[in-house]
N, C-alpha and C. Protein backbone atom coordinates (compact mmCIF):
# COMPACT_ATOMS: atom_id res chain seq x y z
N UNK A 1 51.28 -217.67 -92.87
CA UNK A 1 52.01 -217.94 -94.11
C UNK A 1 53.39 -218.51 -93.75
N UNK A 2 53.75 -219.59 -94.41
CA UNK A 2 55.04 -220.24 -94.21
C UNK A 2 56.09 -219.54 -95.07
N UNK A 3 57.25 -219.30 -94.47
CA UNK A 3 58.34 -218.71 -95.24
C UNK A 3 58.94 -219.76 -96.17
N UNK A 4 59.27 -219.34 -97.37
CA UNK A 4 59.86 -220.23 -98.36
C UNK A 4 61.33 -220.45 -98.07
N UNK A 5 61.80 -221.64 -98.43
CA UNK A 5 63.24 -221.88 -98.44
C UNK A 5 63.79 -221.36 -99.76
N UNK A 6 65.09 -221.29 -99.85
CA UNK A 6 65.71 -220.87 -101.12
C UNK A 6 65.37 -221.86 -102.24
N UNK A 7 65.35 -223.14 -101.92
CA UNK A 7 65.02 -224.15 -102.92
C UNK A 7 63.59 -223.98 -103.42
N UNK A 8 62.65 -223.73 -102.50
CA UNK A 8 61.26 -223.51 -102.89
C UNK A 8 61.12 -222.23 -103.71
N UNK A 9 61.88 -221.23 -103.36
CA UNK A 9 61.86 -219.97 -104.09
C UNK A 9 62.32 -220.17 -105.53
N UNK A 10 63.41 -220.89 -105.69
CA UNK A 10 63.93 -221.18 -107.03
C UNK A 10 62.90 -221.94 -107.87
N UNK A 11 62.26 -222.91 -107.25
CA UNK A 11 61.23 -223.69 -107.94
C UNK A 11 60.08 -222.80 -108.39
N UNK A 12 59.61 -221.91 -107.50
CA UNK A 12 58.50 -221.03 -107.85
C UNK A 12 58.88 -220.04 -108.94
N UNK A 13 60.09 -219.51 -108.88
CA UNK A 13 60.53 -218.59 -109.93
C UNK A 13 60.53 -219.31 -111.27
N UNK A 14 61.01 -220.54 -111.29
CA UNK A 14 61.03 -221.33 -112.52
C UNK A 14 59.61 -221.61 -113.01
N UNK A 15 58.72 -221.97 -112.10
CA UNK A 15 57.34 -222.23 -112.49
C UNK A 15 56.67 -220.97 -113.01
N UNK A 16 57.07 -219.82 -112.48
CA UNK A 16 56.50 -218.56 -112.93
C UNK A 16 56.82 -218.24 -114.38
N UNK A 17 57.81 -218.93 -114.94
CA UNK A 17 58.11 -218.76 -116.37
C UNK A 17 57.09 -219.49 -117.23
N UNK A 18 56.48 -220.53 -116.68
CA UNK A 18 55.56 -221.38 -117.45
C UNK A 18 54.09 -221.11 -117.16
N UNK A 19 53.81 -220.51 -116.02
CA UNK A 19 52.41 -220.26 -115.65
C UNK A 19 52.34 -219.02 -114.78
N UNK A 20 51.14 -218.47 -114.67
CA UNK A 20 50.95 -217.33 -113.78
C UNK A 20 50.86 -217.85 -112.36
N UNK A 21 51.66 -217.26 -111.48
CA UNK A 21 51.66 -217.68 -110.09
C UNK A 21 50.44 -217.13 -109.38
N UNK A 22 49.95 -217.89 -108.41
CA UNK A 22 48.82 -217.45 -107.60
C UNK A 22 49.26 -216.28 -106.72
N UNK A 23 48.30 -215.52 -106.25
CA UNK A 23 48.59 -214.35 -105.43
C UNK A 23 49.45 -214.72 -104.23
N UNK A 24 49.10 -215.78 -103.53
CA UNK A 24 49.85 -216.21 -102.35
C UNK A 24 51.29 -216.59 -102.69
N UNK A 25 51.48 -217.20 -103.84
CA UNK A 25 52.82 -217.56 -104.28
C UNK A 25 53.65 -216.31 -104.55
N UNK A 26 53.04 -215.33 -105.20
CA UNK A 26 53.76 -214.07 -105.49
C UNK A 26 54.13 -213.34 -104.20
N UNK A 27 53.21 -213.34 -103.24
CA UNK A 27 53.50 -212.69 -101.96
C UNK A 27 54.63 -213.41 -101.25
N UNK A 28 54.58 -214.74 -101.24
CA UNK A 28 55.63 -215.52 -100.58
C UNK A 28 56.99 -215.24 -101.22
N UNK A 29 57.03 -215.12 -102.54
CA UNK A 29 58.29 -214.80 -103.22
C UNK A 29 58.79 -213.42 -102.79
N UNK A 30 57.91 -212.45 -102.76
CA UNK A 30 58.33 -211.09 -102.38
C UNK A 30 58.87 -211.05 -100.95
N UNK A 31 58.21 -211.79 -100.07
CA UNK A 31 58.69 -211.84 -98.68
C UNK A 31 60.08 -212.47 -98.64
N UNK A 32 60.25 -213.57 -99.35
CA UNK A 32 61.56 -214.23 -99.36
C UNK A 32 62.63 -213.32 -99.96
N UNK A 33 62.31 -212.66 -101.06
CA UNK A 33 63.28 -211.75 -101.67
C UNK A 33 63.65 -210.61 -100.72
N UNK A 34 62.69 -210.19 -99.89
CA UNK A 34 62.96 -209.10 -98.95
C UNK A 34 64.00 -209.49 -97.90
N UNK A 35 64.09 -210.78 -97.61
CA UNK A 35 65.01 -211.20 -96.55
C UNK A 35 66.22 -211.98 -97.06
N UNK A 36 66.23 -212.33 -98.33
CA UNK A 36 67.32 -213.18 -98.84
C UNK A 36 68.03 -212.50 -100.01
N UNK A 37 69.20 -211.97 -99.74
CA UNK A 37 69.98 -211.29 -100.76
C UNK A 37 70.39 -212.23 -101.88
N UNK A 38 70.75 -213.46 -101.54
CA UNK A 38 71.19 -214.41 -102.56
C UNK A 38 70.10 -214.71 -103.58
N UNK A 39 68.88 -214.93 -103.11
CA UNK A 39 67.78 -215.21 -104.03
C UNK A 39 67.38 -213.97 -104.83
N UNK A 40 67.49 -212.80 -104.20
CA UNK A 40 67.23 -211.56 -104.94
C UNK A 40 68.20 -211.43 -106.10
N UNK A 41 69.46 -211.69 -105.82
CA UNK A 41 70.48 -211.59 -106.88
C UNK A 41 70.25 -212.65 -107.96
N UNK A 42 69.95 -213.87 -107.54
CA UNK A 42 69.71 -214.95 -108.51
C UNK A 42 68.51 -214.63 -109.38
N UNK A 43 67.46 -214.06 -108.80
CA UNK A 43 66.28 -213.69 -109.57
C UNK A 43 66.61 -212.61 -110.59
N UNK A 44 67.41 -211.62 -110.19
CA UNK A 44 67.82 -210.58 -111.14
C UNK A 44 68.66 -211.16 -112.27
N UNK A 45 69.53 -212.11 -111.94
CA UNK A 45 70.36 -212.74 -112.97
C UNK A 45 69.51 -213.54 -113.95
N UNK A 46 68.52 -214.27 -113.43
CA UNK A 46 67.63 -215.04 -114.32
C UNK A 46 66.83 -214.11 -115.22
N UNK A 47 66.37 -213.00 -114.67
CA UNK A 47 65.61 -212.03 -115.48
C UNK A 47 66.50 -211.45 -116.58
N UNK A 48 67.75 -211.15 -116.24
CA UNK A 48 68.70 -210.64 -117.24
C UNK A 48 68.92 -211.66 -118.35
N UNK A 49 69.11 -212.92 -117.97
CA UNK A 49 69.34 -213.98 -118.98
C UNK A 49 68.13 -214.15 -119.88
N UNK A 50 66.91 -214.08 -119.31
CA UNK A 50 65.70 -214.19 -120.14
C UNK A 50 65.65 -213.07 -121.15
N UNK A 51 65.95 -211.84 -120.71
CA UNK A 51 65.94 -210.71 -121.65
C UNK A 51 67.00 -210.87 -122.72
N UNK A 52 68.19 -211.34 -122.33
CA UNK A 52 69.28 -211.51 -123.29
C UNK A 52 68.94 -212.58 -124.33
N UNK A 53 68.35 -213.67 -123.90
CA UNK A 53 67.99 -214.74 -124.84
C UNK A 53 66.91 -214.26 -125.79
N UNK A 54 65.93 -213.52 -125.27
CA UNK A 54 64.87 -212.98 -126.15
C UNK A 54 65.47 -212.03 -127.17
N UNK A 55 66.37 -211.17 -126.73
CA UNK A 55 67.00 -210.22 -127.65
C UNK A 55 67.80 -210.94 -128.72
N UNK A 56 68.51 -211.98 -128.32
CA UNK A 56 69.29 -212.76 -129.28
C UNK A 56 68.37 -213.44 -130.29
N UNK A 57 67.28 -214.00 -129.81
CA UNK A 57 66.32 -214.66 -130.70
C UNK A 57 65.74 -213.68 -131.70
N UNK A 58 65.42 -212.47 -131.25
CA UNK A 58 64.87 -211.46 -132.15
C UNK A 58 65.91 -211.03 -133.17
N UNK A 59 67.16 -210.92 -132.77
CA UNK A 59 68.24 -210.55 -133.67
C UNK A 59 68.41 -211.61 -134.76
N UNK A 60 68.38 -212.87 -134.35
CA UNK A 60 68.55 -213.95 -135.31
C UNK A 60 67.37 -214.07 -136.26
N UNK A 61 66.15 -213.81 -135.76
CA UNK A 61 64.98 -213.86 -136.63
C UNK A 61 65.02 -212.75 -137.67
N UNK A 62 65.51 -211.59 -137.25
CA UNK A 62 65.59 -210.45 -138.17
C UNK A 62 66.67 -210.62 -139.22
N UNK A 63 67.74 -211.37 -138.89
CA UNK A 63 68.86 -211.53 -139.81
C UNK A 63 68.75 -212.76 -140.68
N UNK A 64 67.80 -213.61 -140.40
CA UNK A 64 67.68 -214.87 -141.16
C UNK A 64 66.95 -214.68 -142.45
């Protein structure tokens, strides 16, 4: 298995928002996150932003 670069990791995380990642892709991401603090942090930040945007959308739908 080839180790992912940070750029490839970012691309896969983004693609994972639009489609289900293959098993090998998920494993490669986990391996990269295990060794790369920067990508781990970036992934947590993206997850936080996704949750915040969803919460905001639900708030606006309920108040409209």
